């Protein structure tokens, strides 16, 4: 297997999605990919246990990508070795009536991870500058002052949203939440193949939605707005990583490796030490328990 440098996927300047690869050849087969992922999974799990005990940092993992890009299966595979108490997954769908009574970031604040834990946002606060760009009529449901019709939504409105999102991420970062944002860069042809598979495989039929086809017709618009959102919100404290997603196995390994290496940077995370008085009397306590 070819070595992977996580810096190759990190957005450090302006990007053009059309010029970035959707598939990465790491000279391996599916069994080797799975074995490599298994090794990282175990290390992640042990490190997360230490982070949980340390109780100072939290991790927010943001996953974005077109339909069928592999977000759901990646969550299942990358985090399956985690202690259940250490990771919470949130799948943000269309805002409900209660959520629409608050600002668009409110529900995301509520879902932020506690110290010592991971939160995975499967679709994220970025939907508010992606789906709403393709379908600006959705903004009208937010009942915002000064916006009565789509024509009232100016370019400055979107600039303000980018600034709000940057401020949101900066705020939580400064308070101990480590943010990693992943865009699953899949080709349109690969999406076509995966949608066909859903239709052709009875076990996967339930995953298919006619809405997927409607959104697919707006592919170029989505690419345009993803590119803009990433370019405007890639920050050192909240980095974006562009993950080639045509090969799900490789994508999972890349994401797991990035999370692992970012966790390694938190060098102050240590297992809490036993109280010296308790430690000095371990043999006494052991004998007490043996006698009961």
Protein backbone atom coordinates (compact mmCIF):
# COMPACT_ATOMS: atom_id res chain seq x y z
CA UNK A 1 0.00 0.00 0.00
CA UNK A 2 1.28 3.43 -0.92
CA UNK A 3 1.78 5.80 2.00
CA UNK A 4 -0.77 8.57 2.44
CA UNK A 5 0.13 12.10 3.46
CA UNK A 6 -2.94 13.72 5.01
CA UNK A 7 -1.68 17.16 4.03
CA UNK A 8 -2.37 16.22 0.40
CA UNK A 9 -6.10 16.38 1.13
CA UNK A 10 -6.15 19.49 3.30
CA UNK A 11 -7.42 22.70 1.75
CA UNK A 12 -4.74 25.34 2.23
CA UNK A 13 -5.55 27.65 -0.68
CA UNK A 14 -8.26 28.28 -3.20
CA UNK A 15 -9.47 25.04 -4.76
CA UNK A 16 -11.16 24.12 -8.02
CA UNK A 17 -13.13 20.92 -7.57
CA UNK A 18 -13.13 20.11 -11.27
CA UNK A 19 -9.36 19.78 -11.14
CA UNK A 20 -9.22 17.51 -8.09
CA UNK A 21 -9.28 13.70 -8.38
CA UNK A 22 -12.31 11.69 -7.31
CA UNK A 23 -10.31 8.47 -7.11
CA UNK A 24 -6.95 7.71 -5.54
CA UNK A 25 -4.83 4.71 -6.45
CA UNK A 26 -2.96 3.55 -3.35
CA UNK A 27 -1.90 0.24 -4.93
CA UNK A 28 -3.98 -2.04 -2.75
CA UNK A 29 -7.00 -4.31 -2.86
CA UNK A 30 -10.17 -4.28 -0.76
CA UNK A 31 -8.82 -6.79 1.78
CA UNK A 32 -5.70 -4.71 2.37
CA UNK A 33 -7.80 -1.56 2.67
CA UNK A 34 -9.99 -3.23 5.27
CA UNK A 35 -6.99 -4.49 7.22
CA UNK A 36 -5.39 -1.04 7.22
CA UNK A 37 -8.66 0.52 8.37
CA UNK A 38 -9.03 -2.05 11.15
CA UNK A 39 -5.64 -1.09 12.56
CA UNK A 40 -6.51 2.60 12.61
CA UNK A 41 -9.93 1.87 14.14
CA UNK A 42 -8.34 0.18 17.14
CA UNK A 43 -5.89 3.04 17.67
CA UNK A 44 -8.69 5.60 17.38
CA UNK A 45 -10.77 3.75 19.94
CA UNK A 46 -7.97 3.61 22.50
CA UNK A 47 -7.11 7.25 21.96
CA UNK A 48 -10.74 8.25 22.33
CA UNK A 49 -10.94 6.41 25.66
CA UNK A 50 -8.01 8.47 26.90
CA UNK A 51 -9.63 11.65 25.56
CA UNK A 52 -12.87 10.76 27.36
CA UNK A 53 -11.02 10.35 30.66
CA UNK A 54 -8.98 13.50 30.04
CA UNK A 55 -12.24 15.45 29.61
CA UNK A 56 -10.82 18.58 28.03
CA UNK A 57 -11.29 18.27 24.27
CA UNK A 58 -14.15 17.29 21.99
CA UNK A 59 -14.13 16.44 18.29
CA UNK A 60 -16.67 17.60 15.72
CA UNK A 61 -16.49 15.57 12.52
CA UNK A 62 -18.41 17.19 9.65
CA UNK A 63 -19.30 15.07 6.63
CA UNK A 64 -20.58 16.62 3.41
CA UNK A 65 -21.06 15.21 -0.05
CA UNK A 66 -23.60 14.48 -2.74
CA UNK A 67 -26.15 11.70 -2.32
CA UNK A 68 -24.54 8.21 -2.39
CA UNK A 69 -21.05 9.60 -1.66
CA UNK A 70 -20.61 7.10 1.18
CA UNK A 71 -21.15 9.13 4.35
CA UNK A 72 -23.43 6.65 6.11
CA UNK A 73 -21.27 3.60 5.50
CA UNK A 74 -18.15 5.52 6.46
CA UNK A 75 -19.65 6.39 9.84
CA UNK A 76 -20.49 2.74 10.42
CA UNK A 77 -17.02 1.50 9.48
CA UNK A 78 -14.71 4.17 10.88
CA UNK A 79 -16.35 4.54 14.28
CA UNK A 80 -17.49 0.97 14.97
CA UNK A 81 -14.70 0.30 17.48
CA UNK A 82 -15.57 3.37 19.55
CA UNK A 83 -17.15 2.97 22.95
CA UNK A 84 -20.81 3.86 22.43
CA UNK A 85 -20.60 6.52 25.12
CA UNK A 86 -17.83 8.28 23.21
CA UNK A 87 -19.48 9.12 19.88
CA UNK A 88 -22.85 10.54 18.87
CA UNK A 89 -24.05 10.78 15.26
CA UNK A 90 -26.45 13.48 14.10
CA UNK A 91 -28.10 13.34 10.68
CA UNK A 92 -29.54 16.74 9.92
CA UNK A 93 -32.55 16.62 7.68
CA UNK A 94 -34.95 19.38 6.59
CA UNK A 95 -35.55 21.66 9.61
CA UNK A 96 -38.79 20.87 11.43
CA UNK A 97 -41.28 23.48 12.63
CA UNK A 98 -39.63 23.81 16.03
CA UNK A 99 -36.17 24.27 14.54
CA UNK A 100 -37.48 26.91 12.16
CA UNK A 101 -38.55 28.97 15.18
CA UNK A 102 -34.85 29.52 15.90
CA UNK A 103 -31.89 30.71 13.87
CA UNK A 104 -30.39 28.18 11.47
CA UNK A 105 -27.39 27.38 13.70
CA UNK A 106 -29.47 26.69 16.81
CA UNK A 107 -30.00 22.98 16.21
CA UNK A 108 -26.31 22.51 15.50
CA UNK A 109 -25.32 24.17 18.78
CA UNK A 110 -27.61 21.73 20.58
CA UNK A 111 -25.84 18.78 18.96
CA UNK A 112 -22.27 19.82 19.77
CA UNK A 113 -20.20 17.15 21.55
CA UNK A 114 -19.57 17.14 25.26
CA UNK A 115 -15.96 17.28 26.42
CA UNK A 116 -14.27 13.97 25.88
CA UNK A 117 -16.63 12.92 23.11
CA UNK A 118 -16.99 12.86 19.34
CA UNK A 119 -19.97 14.22 17.45
CA UNK A 120 -20.39 13.28 13.81
CA UNK A 121 -22.55 15.60 11.74
CA UNK A 122 -23.86 13.65 8.75
CA UNK A 123 -24.77 16.65 6.66
CA UNK A 124 -24.04 19.75 8.62
CA UNK A 125 -24.58 23.45 9.14
CA UNK A 126 -23.18 23.81 5.62
CA UNK A 127 -26.50 22.69 4.20
CA UNK A 128 -27.55 26.26 4.98
CA UNK A 129 -25.18 27.59 2.32
CA UNK A 130 -25.47 24.66 -0.09
CA UNK A 131 -29.00 23.34 -0.49
CA UNK A 132 -30.37 26.80 0.17
CA UNK A 133 -28.17 28.23 -2.59
CA UNK A 134 -29.55 25.71 -5.09
CA UNK A 135 -33.06 26.19 -3.67
CA UNK A 136 -33.15 29.74 -2.25
CA UNK A 137 -36.90 29.46 -1.76
CA UNK A 138 -36.13 27.35 1.33
CA UNK A 139 -34.84 30.48 3.05
CA UNK A 140 -38.37 31.86 3.09
CA UNK A 141 -39.35 29.17 5.62
CA UNK A 142 -36.98 30.79 8.11
CA UNK A 143 -39.25 33.85 8.30
CA UNK A 144 -36.37 36.31 8.39
CA UNK A 145 -36.76 40.08 8.71
CA UNK A 146 -36.54 41.86 5.39
CA UNK A 147 -36.86 38.72 3.30
CA UNK A 148 -40.34 38.28 1.88
CA UNK A 149 -39.42 36.75 -1.48
CA UNK A 150 -36.45 35.10 -3.13
CA UNK A 151 -35.47 38.37 -4.81
CA UNK A 152 -34.77 39.83 -1.35
CA UNK A 153 -31.89 37.38 -0.86
CA UNK A 154 -28.84 39.37 -1.91
CA UNK A 155 -25.21 38.24 -2.42
CA UNK A 156 -24.43 39.95 0.89
CA UNK A 157 -26.88 37.61 2.61
CA UNK A 158 -24.66 34.65 1.70
CA UNK A 159 -21.49 36.50 2.64
CA UNK A 160 -23.03 37.14 6.06
CA UNK A 161 -23.83 33.44 6.42
CA UNK A 162 -20.27 32.45 5.66
CA UNK A 163 -19.07 34.91 8.28
CA UNK A 164 -21.58 33.54 10.81
CA UNK A 165 -20.43 29.98 10.17
CA UNK A 166 -16.78 30.99 10.51
CA UNK A 167 -17.58 32.73 13.80
CA UNK A 168 -19.51 29.68 15.03
CA UNK A 169 -16.58 27.39 14.31
CA UNK A 170 -14.03 29.78 15.75
CA UNK A 171 -16.03 30.09 18.95
CA UNK A 172 -16.34 26.35 19.57
CA UNK A 173 -12.74 25.78 18.54
CA UNK A 174 -11.50 28.29 21.09
CA UNK A 175 -13.47 26.41 23.72
CA UNK A 176 -11.86 23.03 23.12
CA UNK A 177 -13.76 21.48 20.20
CA UNK A 178 -11.51 20.22 17.44
CA UNK A 179 -13.22 20.55 14.06
CA UNK A 180 -12.49 18.39 11.02
CA UNK A 181 -14.57 18.89 7.87
CA UNK A 182 -14.65 16.35 5.06
CA UNK A 183 -16.03 16.78 1.57
CA UNK A 184 -16.54 13.47 -0.25
CA UNK A 185 -15.49 14.25 -3.78
CA UNK A 186 -17.35 11.80 -6.00
CA UNK A 187 -17.67 11.85 -9.78
CA UNK A 188 -21.06 12.23 -11.40
CA UNK A 189 -20.54 8.92 -13.21
CA UNK A 190 -19.86 7.11 -9.93
CA UNK A 191 -23.06 8.53 -8.48
CA UNK A 192 -24.95 7.24 -11.50
CA UNK A 193 -23.57 3.74 -10.90
CA UNK A 194 -24.50 3.82 -7.23
CA UNK A 195 -28.03 5.03 -7.92
CA UNK A 196 -28.47 2.26 -10.51
CA UNK A 197 -27.26 -0.26 -7.95
CA UNK A 198 -29.95 0.91 -5.55
CA UNK A 199 -32.57 0.29 -8.19
CA UNK A 200 -31.20 -3.05 -9.32
CA UNK A 201 -30.57 -4.54 -5.87
CA UNK A 202 -33.85 -5.30 -4.03
CA UNK A 203 -32.08 -4.98 -0.69
CA UNK A 204 -31.09 -1.41 -1.53
CA UNK A 205 -34.35 -0.27 -3.15
CA UNK A 206 -35.45 1.48 0.01
CA UNK A 207 -32.48 3.84 -0.22
CA UNK A 208 -33.62 5.21 -3.56
CA UNK A 209 -35.53 8.47 -3.74
CA UNK A 210 -36.84 10.29 -6.78
CA UNK A 211 -35.49 13.40 -5.09
CA UNK A 212 -31.99 12.06 -5.75
CA UNK A 213 -32.62 12.34 -9.47
CA UNK A 214 -33.94 15.88 -9.17
CA UNK A 215 -30.91 16.99 -7.20
CA UNK A 216 -28.63 15.22 -9.66
CA UNK A 217 -29.96 17.52 -12.38
CA UNK A 218 -28.47 20.40 -10.40
CA UNK A 219 -25.04 18.76 -10.12
CA UNK A 220 -23.12 21.68 -11.61
CA UNK A 221 -24.83 24.13 -9.27
CA UNK A 222 -23.92 22.00 -6.27
CA UNK A 223 -20.30 21.78 -7.37
CA UNK A 224 -20.19 25.56 -7.73
CA UNK A 225 -21.60 26.18 -4.27
CA UNK A 226 -19.56 23.47 -2.58
CA UNK A 227 -16.44 25.00 -4.04
CA UNK A 228 -17.40 28.48 -2.84
CA UNK A 229 -18.35 27.27 0.65
CA UNK A 230 -15.10 25.36 1.07
CA UNK A 231 -12.98 28.26 -0.17
CA UNK A 232 -14.66 30.72 2.17
CA UNK A 233 -14.60 28.56 5.31
CA UNK A 234 -11.34 26.59 5.19
CA UNK A 235 -9.52 27.78 8.30
CA UNK A 236 -6.61 26.38 10.26
CA UNK A 237 -8.84 25.87 13.31
CA UNK A 238 -11.58 24.29 11.15
CA UNK A 239 -9.89 22.71 8.12
CA UNK A 240 -11.57 21.17 5.12
CA UNK A 241 -10.28 17.92 3.62
CA UNK A 242 -11.21 16.91 0.06
CA UNK A 243 -11.50 13.12 0.09
CA UNK A 244 -11.58 11.24 -3.24
CA UNK A 245 -14.78 9.21 -2.80
CA UNK A 246 -15.18 7.01 -5.87
CA UNK A 247 -13.58 4.16 -3.90
CA UNK A 248 -15.38 3.86 -0.55
CA UNK A 249 -12.69 1.71 1.06
CA UNK A 250 -9.93 4.19 0.29
CA UNK A 251 -12.11 7.12 1.42
CA UNK A 252 -12.76 5.47 4.78
CA UNK A 253 -9.08 4.83 5.33
CA UNK A 254 -8.16 8.41 4.44
CA UNK A 255 -10.71 9.86 6.86
CA UNK A 256 -9.68 7.51 9.68
CA UNK A 257 -6.01 8.32 9.14
CA UNK A 258 -6.67 12.07 9.17
CA UNK A 259 -8.66 11.83 12.42
CA UNK A 260 -5.94 9.67 13.99
CA UNK A 261 -3.11 12.03 13.06
CA UNK A 262 -5.09 15.07 14.24
CA UNK A 263 -5.75 13.35 17.58
CA UNK A 264 -2.02 12.68 17.89
CA UNK A 265 -1.39 16.42 17.88
CA UNK A 266 -3.14 16.73 21.24
CA UNK A 267 -0.02 15.79 23.17
CA UNK A 268 -1.40 16.79 26.57
CA UNK A 269 -4.02 14.02 26.55
CA UNK A 270 -3.07 11.47 29.20
CA UNK A 271 -4.86 8.83 31.21
CA UNK A 272 -5.83 10.24 34.64
CA UNK A 273 -3.61 8.97 37.40
CA UNK A 274 -4.91 7.08 40.40
CA UNK A 275 -5.06 9.03 43.65
CA UNK A 276 -1.70 8.45 45.44
CA UNK A 277 -3.43 7.29 48.64
CA UNK A 278 -5.50 4.75 46.72
CA UNK A 279 -2.47 3.63 44.74
CA UNK A 280 -0.47 3.09 47.92
CA UNK A 281 -3.17 0.84 49.32
CA UNK A 282 -4.02 -1.25 46.27
CA UNK A 283 -2.82 -4.44 47.96
CA UNK A 284 -4.96 -3.69 51.01
CA UNK A 285 -8.06 -3.21 48.88
CA UNK A 286 -7.28 -6.36 46.90
CA UNK A 287 -7.09 -8.42 50.07
CA UNK A 288 -10.32 -6.89 51.33
CA UNK A 289 -12.10 -7.93 48.14
CA UNK A 290 -10.63 -11.43 48.23
CA UNK A 291 -12.00 -11.89 51.70
CA UNK A 292 -15.59 -11.04 50.71
